[in-house]
Every structure is written in C-alpha cells, then in structure tokens.
Amino acid sequence: MRISAGDLCILASELAAEHGLIARDYARRACASLEAEGERERARFWLALSVLLDDIAQHRLDPDRAPTIH
C-alpha cells in the first residue's frame, strides 16, 4: 500500500495533536523494532512518520499547511 506525502503529513498532524511527543517516541520505537525484525519497508514508514512528528514538535513543519517536498 502506498501513502502520499500529504496523507502522511495529515496522519502526523493528527497524531501530534492527539498524543504529542508520545506519538514521536512510539514511531521511533516501532521503526527500531521493525528494522530489527527485517521489516525494512514498514520500518521506513515509521521513520518517515517520526521525522514529520519531530518537525511538527520543533515547529519546522506547519501541520495546517500542505507540505512542499523537494
């Protein structure tokens, strides 16, 4: 299953609003766990989500605006 960058940002925004930094910590743990199990594609999803959650927490990404991907 593929997810667009916009949908991933929406998901990160909703998780950040609902759970704050706990969502970022969960995403990081999920990434590490899946990587250890050899589930690289699933781990990359959680890594990307954790990066977006970190950017939202550090105010580098406005969750109310569409993302610009370079």
N, C-alpha and C. Protein backbone atom coordinates (compact mmCIF):
# COMPACT_ATOMS: atom_id res chain seq x y z
N MET A 1 0.84 -1.17 0.00
CA MET A 1 0.00 0.00 0.00
C MET A 1 0.89 1.24 0.00
N ARG A 2 0.56 2.19 -0.81
CA ARG A 2 1.29 3.46 -0.90
C ARG A 2 0.48 4.54 -0.21
N ILE A 3 1.20 5.49 0.39
CA ILE A 3 0.57 6.63 1.03
C ILE A 3 1.26 7.89 0.50
N SER A 4 0.48 8.90 0.20
CA SER A 4 1.06 10.13 -0.35
C SER A 4 1.73 10.93 0.77
N ALA A 5 2.62 11.83 0.36
CA ALA A 5 3.29 12.70 1.33
C ALA A 5 2.27 13.55 2.09
N GLY A 6 1.26 14.01 1.38
CA GLY A 6 0.22 14.81 2.02
C GLY A 6 -0.55 14.02 3.07
N ASP A 7 -0.89 12.78 2.72
CA ASP A 7 -1.60 11.93 3.68
C ASP A 7 -0.73 11.60 4.90
N LEU A 8 0.56 11.40 4.67
CA LEU A 8 1.48 11.13 5.76
C LEU A 8 1.57 12.34 6.69
N CYS A 9 1.58 13.54 6.12
CA CYS A 9 1.61 14.76 6.93
C CYS A 9 0.32 14.92 7.73
N ILE A 10 -0.80 14.60 7.11
CA ILE A 10 -2.08 14.67 7.83
C ILE A 10 -2.08 13.70 9.00
N LEU A 11 -1.61 12.48 8.76
CA LEU A 11 -1.53 11.48 9.82
C LEU A 11 -0.62 11.97 10.95
N ALA A 12 0.55 12.50 10.60
CA ALA A 12 1.47 13.01 11.61
C ALA A 12 0.83 14.15 12.39
N SER A 13 0.14 15.03 11.70
CA SER A 13 -0.51 16.16 12.36
C SER A 13 -1.56 15.70 13.36
N GLU A 14 -2.37 14.73 12.94
CA GLU A 14 -3.41 14.22 13.82
C GLU A 14 -2.82 13.50 15.03
N LEU A 15 -1.77 12.72 14.81
CA LEU A 15 -1.12 12.03 15.92
C LEU A 15 -0.47 13.02 16.88
N ALA A 16 0.16 14.06 16.33
CA ALA A 16 0.80 15.07 17.18
C ALA A 16 -0.24 15.82 18.01
N ALA A 17 -1.35 16.17 17.39
CA ALA A 17 -2.40 16.89 18.10
C ALA A 17 -3.01 16.04 19.21
N GLU A 18 -3.16 14.77 18.94
CA GLU A 18 -3.81 13.87 19.91
C GLU A 18 -2.86 13.39 21.00
N HIS A 19 -1.60 13.10 20.63
CA HIS A 19 -0.71 12.42 21.57
C HIS A 19 0.60 13.15 21.86
N GLY A 20 0.89 14.23 21.16
CA GLY A 20 2.11 14.99 21.42
C GLY A 20 3.37 14.18 21.17
N LEU A 21 4.37 14.38 22.03
CA LEU A 21 5.67 13.74 21.85
C LEU A 21 5.61 12.23 22.04
N ILE A 22 4.59 11.74 22.69
CA ILE A 22 4.45 10.29 22.86
C ILE A 22 4.31 9.62 21.50
N ALA A 23 3.64 10.27 20.56
CA ALA A 23 3.48 9.71 19.21
C ALA A 23 4.83 9.59 18.52
N ARG A 24 5.69 10.59 18.69
CA ARG A 24 7.03 10.54 18.09
C ARG A 24 7.85 9.40 18.70
N ASP A 25 7.78 9.26 20.00
CA ASP A 25 8.53 8.19 20.67
C ASP A 25 8.03 6.82 20.23
N TYR A 26 6.72 6.68 20.09
CA TYR A 26 6.15 5.41 19.63
C TYR A 26 6.63 5.10 18.21
N ALA A 27 6.63 6.11 17.36
CA ALA A 27 7.06 5.91 15.97
C ALA A 27 8.53 5.49 15.92
N ARG A 28 9.35 6.09 16.75
CA ARG A 28 10.78 5.71 16.78
C ARG A 28 10.96 4.27 17.26
N ARG A 29 10.22 3.89 18.30
CA ARG A 29 10.32 2.51 18.80
C ARG A 29 9.82 1.52 17.76
N ALA A 30 8.73 1.85 17.08
CA ALA A 30 8.20 0.98 16.03
C ALA A 30 9.22 0.81 14.91
N CYS A 31 9.88 1.89 14.52
CA CYS A 31 10.89 1.84 13.47
C CYS A 31 12.03 0.91 13.88
N ALA A 32 12.55 1.08 15.08
CA ALA A 32 13.66 0.26 15.55
C ALA A 32 13.27 -1.21 15.64
N SER A 33 12.08 -1.47 16.15
CA SER A 33 11.61 -2.84 16.30
C SER A 33 11.43 -3.52 14.94
N LEU A 34 10.81 -2.82 14.00
CA LEU A 34 10.58 -3.40 12.68
C LEU A 34 11.89 -3.59 11.92
N GLU A 35 12.82 -2.68 12.08
CA GLU A 35 14.12 -2.81 11.43
C GLU A 35 14.83 -4.05 11.97
N ALA A 36 14.77 -4.26 13.27
CA ALA A 36 15.40 -5.43 13.89
C ALA A 36 14.78 -6.73 13.40
N GLU A 37 13.51 -6.69 13.06
CA GLU A 37 12.80 -7.87 12.56
C GLU A 37 12.97 -8.06 11.05
N GLY A 38 13.69 -7.14 10.41
CA GLY A 38 13.90 -7.24 8.98
C GLY A 38 12.77 -6.68 8.13
N GLU A 39 11.85 -5.99 8.75
CA GLU A 39 10.70 -5.40 8.05
C GLU A 39 11.06 -3.99 7.59
N ARG A 40 11.95 -3.90 6.62
CA ARG A 40 12.51 -2.60 6.22
C ARG A 40 11.47 -1.62 5.67
N GLU A 41 10.57 -2.09 4.84
CA GLU A 41 9.58 -1.17 4.26
C GLU A 41 8.68 -0.58 5.34
N ARG A 42 8.22 -1.42 6.24
CA ARG A 42 7.38 -0.93 7.35
C ARG A 42 8.18 -0.02 8.27
N ALA A 43 9.46 -0.34 8.50
CA ALA A 43 10.31 0.50 9.33
C ALA A 43 10.48 1.87 8.70
N ARG A 44 10.64 1.94 7.38
CA ARG A 44 10.79 3.23 6.69
C ARG A 44 9.55 4.10 6.85
N PHE A 45 8.38 3.48 6.84
CA PHE A 45 7.15 4.23 7.06
C PHE A 45 7.18 4.92 8.42
N TRP A 46 7.53 4.15 9.45
CA TRP A 46 7.56 4.69 10.81
C TRP A 46 8.68 5.71 10.97
N LEU A 47 9.79 5.53 10.27
CA LEU A 47 10.87 6.51 10.32
C LEU A 47 10.40 7.83 9.71
N ALA A 48 9.77 7.76 8.56
CA ALA A 48 9.26 8.98 7.92
C ALA A 48 8.24 9.67 8.82
N LEU A 49 7.38 8.90 9.44
CA LEU A 49 6.38 9.46 10.35
C LEU A 49 7.07 10.11 11.55
N SER A 50 8.09 9.47 12.09
CA SER A 50 8.78 10.04 13.25
C SER A 50 9.49 11.35 12.88
N VAL A 51 10.04 11.43 11.67
CA VAL A 51 10.69 12.66 11.23
C VAL A 51 9.66 13.79 11.14
N LEU A 52 8.51 13.51 10.56
CA LEU A 52 7.46 14.52 10.47
C LEU A 52 6.96 14.93 11.84
N LEU A 53 6.80 13.96 12.75
CA LEU A 53 6.37 14.28 14.11
C LEU A 53 7.41 15.15 14.82
N ASP A 54 8.68 14.87 14.59
CA ASP A 54 9.74 15.70 15.17
C ASP A 54 9.71 17.10 14.58
N ASP A 55 9.52 17.20 13.27
CA ASP A 55 9.44 18.52 12.63
C ASP A 55 8.25 19.33 13.16
N ILE A 56 7.15 18.68 13.40
CA ILE A 56 5.98 19.37 13.96
C ILE A 56 6.30 19.83 15.38
N ALA A 57 6.90 18.97 16.19
CA ALA A 57 7.23 19.32 17.58
C ALA A 57 8.23 20.47 17.65
N GLN A 58 9.15 20.54 16.68
CA GLN A 58 10.17 21.60 16.66
C GLN A 58 9.72 22.82 15.86
N HIS A 59 8.46 22.83 15.43
CA HIS A 59 7.86 23.94 14.68
C HIS A 59 8.57 24.21 13.35
N ARG A 60 9.13 23.16 12.76
CA ARG A 60 9.74 23.27 11.43
C ARG A 60 8.73 22.93 10.34
N LEU A 61 7.62 22.36 10.73
CA LEU A 61 6.57 21.96 9.79
C LEU A 61 5.25 22.41 10.36
N ASP A 62 4.50 23.14 9.56
CA ASP A 62 3.17 23.59 9.97
C ASP A 62 2.17 22.52 9.55
N PRO A 63 1.58 21.82 10.51
CA PRO A 63 0.66 20.74 10.16
C PRO A 63 -0.63 21.20 9.48
N ASP A 64 -0.88 22.50 9.50
CA ASP A 64 -2.09 23.03 8.86
C ASP A 64 -1.89 23.44 7.41
N ARG A 65 -0.65 23.30 6.91
CA ARG A 65 -0.36 23.65 5.53
C ARG A 65 0.08 22.41 4.75
N ALA A 66 -0.19 22.43 3.47
CA ALA A 66 0.24 21.32 2.62
C ALA A 66 1.77 21.28 2.57
N PRO A 67 2.35 20.09 2.58
CA PRO A 67 3.83 20.01 2.57
C PRO A 67 4.40 20.33 1.20
N THR A 68 5.61 20.84 1.21
CA THR A 68 6.38 21.04 -0.01
C THR A 68 7.54 20.08 0.05
N ILE A 69 7.60 19.18 -0.92
CA ILE A 69 8.66 18.17 -0.96
C ILE A 69 9.61 18.54 -2.08
N HIS A 70 10.87 18.63 -1.76
CA HIS A 70 11.90 18.97 -2.76
C HIS A 70 12.63 17.73 -3.18
